[in-house]
Amino acid sequence: MVQVTVGNNLKKQKVIVDAKTTLRTVLTDAGVDYTHGVMHLDGASLNPGDMDKTFEDFGITESCFLLNVVKADNA
């Protein structure tokens, strides 16, 4: 089981998931809109196709951060 801190700039939550769960499933279940901003897994940007990989595929077995970071320009 993996403890995932999932969220965005404004809201984060911790969930426990099986290591064979895909990143997309965790984000969808947590209600995180991953279509805007840049997705990060433990601080590293995700590439196209990574959303359907499992935590096990990334070698994550205990805990991680899965965050959508939206950067906005200041006016």
C-alpha atoms as a PDB file:
ATOM      1  CA  MET A   1       0.000   0.000   0.000  1.00  0.00           C
ATOM      2  CA  VAL A   2       1.170   3.518  -0.836  1.00  0.00           C
ATOM      3  CA  GLN A   3       0.293   6.711   1.045  1.00  0.00           C
ATOM      4  CA  VAL A   4      -0.238   9.383  -1.623  1.00  0.00           C
ATOM      5  CA  THR A   5      -0.544  13.091  -0.924  1.00  0.00           C
ATOM      6  CA  VAL A   6      -2.667  14.157  -3.882  1.00  0.00           C
ATOM      7  CA  GLY A   7      -3.974  17.588  -4.832  1.00  0.00           C
ATOM      8  CA  ASN A   8      -3.188  20.971  -6.325  1.00  0.00           C
ATOM      9  CA  ASN A   9      -1.996  24.437  -5.253  1.00  0.00           C
ATOM     10  CA  LEU A  10      -5.022  24.994  -3.019  1.00  0.00           C
ATOM     11  CA  LYS A  11      -6.062  21.618  -1.626  1.00  0.00           C
ATOM     12  CA  LYS A  12      -4.208  18.443  -0.702  1.00  0.00           C
ATOM     13  CA  GLN A  13      -5.377  15.185   0.835  1.00  0.00           C
ATOM     14  CA  LYS A  14      -3.775  11.902   1.815  1.00  0.00           C
ATOM     15  CA  VAL A  15      -5.090   8.636   0.422  1.00  0.00           C
ATOM     16  CA  ILE A  16      -3.935   5.043   0.748  1.00  0.00           C
ATOM     17  CA  VAL A  17      -3.873   3.080  -2.506  1.00  0.00           C
ATOM     18  CA  ASP A  18      -2.535  -0.184  -3.866  1.00  0.00           C
ATOM     19  CA  ALA A  19       0.817   0.129  -5.672  1.00  0.00           C
ATOM     20  CA  LYS A  20      -0.870  -1.268  -8.806  1.00  0.00           C
ATOM     21  CA  THR A  21      -3.256   1.723  -9.008  1.00  0.00           C
ATOM     22  CA  THR A  22      -2.718   4.171 -11.883  1.00  0.00           C
ATOM     23  CA  LEU A  23      -1.969   7.835 -11.285  1.00  0.00           C
ATOM     24  CA  ARG A  24      -5.041   8.817 -13.321  1.00  0.00           C
ATOM     25  CA  THR A  25      -7.313   6.724 -11.081  1.00  0.00           C
ATOM     26  CA  VAL A  26      -6.026   8.391  -7.913  1.00  0.00           C
ATOM     27  CA  LEU A  27      -6.453  11.877  -9.391  1.00  0.00           C
ATOM     28  CA  THR A  28      -9.949  11.137 -10.688  1.00  0.00           C
ATOM     29  CA  ASP A  29     -11.076   9.598  -7.388  1.00  0.00           C
ATOM     30  CA  ALA A  30      -9.702  12.615  -5.489  1.00  0.00           C
ATOM     31  CA  GLY A  31     -11.480  15.065  -7.807  1.00  0.00           C
ATOM     32  CA  VAL A  32      -8.256  16.713  -9.003  1.00  0.00           C
ATOM     33  CA  ASP A  33      -8.460  18.414 -12.421  1.00  0.00           C
ATOM     34  CA  TYR A  34      -5.192  17.381 -14.036  1.00  0.00           C
ATOM     35  CA  THR A  35      -5.944  19.026 -17.402  1.00  0.00           C
ATOM     36  CA  HIS A  36      -4.512  22.396 -16.326  1.00  0.00           C
ATOM     37  CA  GLY A  37      -1.033  22.974 -14.992  1.00  0.00           C
ATOM     38  CA  VAL A  38       1.864  20.563 -14.735  1.00  0.00           C
ATOM     39  CA  MET A  39       1.623  17.191 -13.023  1.00  0.00           C
ATOM     40  CA  HIS A  40       4.417  16.285 -10.610  1.00  0.00           C
ATOM     41  CA  LEU A  41       5.251  13.013  -8.908  1.00  0.00           C
ATOM     42  CA  ASP A  42       7.613  13.582  -5.984  1.00  0.00           C
ATOM     43  CA  GLY A  43       8.749  16.875  -7.523  1.00  0.00           C
ATOM     44  CA  ALA A  44       9.488  15.520 -11.008  1.00  0.00           C
ATOM     45  CA  SER A  45       7.338  16.558 -13.964  1.00  0.00           C
ATOM     46  CA  LEU A  46       5.337  13.756 -15.564  1.00  0.00           C
ATOM     47  CA  ASN A  47       5.576  13.012 -19.279  1.00  0.00           C
ATOM     48  CA  PRO A  48       2.797  12.133 -21.739  1.00  0.00           C
ATOM     49  CA  GLY A  49       1.637   8.579 -21.101  1.00  0.00           C
ATOM     50  CA  ASP A  50       2.689   8.582 -17.439  1.00  0.00           C
ATOM     51  CA  MET A  51      -0.871   9.067 -16.161  1.00  0.00           C
ATOM     52  CA  ASP A  52      -1.751   5.453 -16.994  1.00  0.00           C
ATOM     53  CA  LYS A  53       1.304   3.997 -15.260  1.00  0.00           C
ATOM     54  CA  THR A  54       1.058   2.573 -11.767  1.00  0.00           C
ATOM     55  CA  PHE A  55       2.959   3.632  -8.674  1.00  0.00           C
ATOM     56  CA  GLU A  56       4.715   0.289  -8.915  1.00  0.00           C
ATOM     57  CA  ASP A  57       5.920   1.242 -12.429  1.00  0.00           C
ATOM     58  CA  PHE A  58       7.669   4.262 -10.862  1.00  0.00           C
ATOM     59  CA  GLY A  59       9.177   2.151  -8.079  1.00  0.00           C
ATOM     60  CA  ILE A  60       7.065   3.805  -5.373  1.00  0.00           C
ATOM     61  CA  THR A  61       6.240   1.434  -2.543  1.00  0.00           C
ATOM     62  CA  GLU A  62       5.650   3.572   0.576  1.00  0.00           C
ATOM     63  CA  SER A  63       4.663   7.210   0.043  1.00  0.00           C
ATOM     64  CA  CYS A  64       4.740  10.008  -2.525  1.00  0.00           C
ATOM     65  CA  PHE A  65       3.348  13.373  -3.582  1.00  0.00           C
ATOM     66  CA  LEU A  66       1.137  13.558  -6.697  1.00  0.00           C
ATOM     67  CA  LEU A  67       0.417  17.221  -7.326  1.00  0.00           C
ATOM     68  CA  ASN A  68      -0.966  19.404 -10.088  1.00  0.00           C
ATOM     69  CA  VAL A  69       0.823  22.748 -10.055  1.00  0.00           C
ATOM     70  CA  VAL A  70      -0.834  25.665 -11.823  1.00  0.00           C
ATOM     71  CA  LYS A  71       1.347  28.684 -12.354  1.00  0.00           C
ATOM     72  CA  ALA A  72      -0.360  32.013 -12.932  1.00  0.00           C
ATOM     73  CA  ASP A  73       1.105  35.335 -14.033  1.00  0.00           C
ATOM     74  CA  ASN A  74       0.668  38.246 -11.646  1.00  0.00           C
ATOM     75  CA  ALA A  75      -1.049  41.210 -13.248  1.00  0.00           C
END
